[in-house]
Amino acid sequence: MAQKYEESEVFVIRTLECDLCQRFDSIMITKREMFERISRNKLQIGSYYLNHNDHVRVVYFDLDGKYLGDTISLNLRDDITTHINGSIPIFPKVKKGVAYTFIRKMMSQFLSTSQTISIIGPSLVGKTSLTYYLETGIPERHSQRIDHSATMGKSVKRMKIGNINLKILDMGGQKDFWGGWEESIRESDKIIFIFDGTAFNYEEIADSLSLAIDYRSERLVPFLILVNKMDLFIDGYTNKFSSVDEINNSLEITNPRDIWTLETSIYNGLCYNYGAEQSETPLSKVISDFLILN
């Protein structure tokens, strides 16, 4: 619950380092302005944009002035359809021309050492955990990572796996952020969709997956579905699907092109049904194989 403050009281919101330029920011804001920025959206989250040379950072905070996370845009401020009065920013839906798509596809065949991957799915399903695993190579069960808060908007990470330089777009999973998936998906070379295999929110999972597949329709890039938390086999608690076919049928995935569905435990760093032998395989091996797909 938010604490009570005088409207004129000034808060200083301090951020973590920017994912792109490693800059730390501090925002000075009055209680009144903070409330105005938060009151116009149902999430009760405020936002504040900052120009960083070649990109824009949108910082999110709550009514107590707590820093919640941020969105990074590689475009300039005018390319973010947001209001300075506090609406949650949504990225514009920019459709690239045929020539752009063709040139990008041809160039990617020769310059295959750099890739952009969108990691999407409903909220709190393990998207940021996968990003952390890819970045460190350490399964969460063996790490000291304790931050499991939901991603606000988009988090950008850069890393290298093998000889491939990756830009990872970890997309927020709350419904208010689904509109922001489109531009990231259209600019990505690969897409990873994650959902919780123990959850009962079938409608939300199906709706978000259908939206992601629709956004991908113009460019059929490789699309990997990870059914996460499949290590939870406690009877009466887990709602584990019995097979990948059951997953596909439940979500009405009917022979889409270039889409693979795998059972995983990001927490343990494992995939349970990989390859012809359907064997237990390190998730790092699965992702490495996925990266070399055309």
Foldseek 3Di string as FASTA:
>chain_A
DADDDDQADKDWAWDAAAQPPGDIDIDIDGLVLLCQQQVPDPVQKFWAWDDDPQKIKIWIAHSNNYTDAIAIGSHDPVQWPDDRRHDQIAGDQDDDDPVVVVVVVVVCVVVVQEFEEEEAEAWQQCLVLLVVCVAPVDFQLPDPDDDRGFHRAWGWHWDGDDSHTYIYIHGGRHPVNLNNVLVSLVRGQEYEYEGAQQDDPLVRRLVSVVSSVVSCVVPVHAYEYEHEPPVDPDPPRGPHDPDVVSVCVSSVPDPDPRYYYWYYYSNRQWTQQDDPVGHIDGVSVVVVVSSPDD
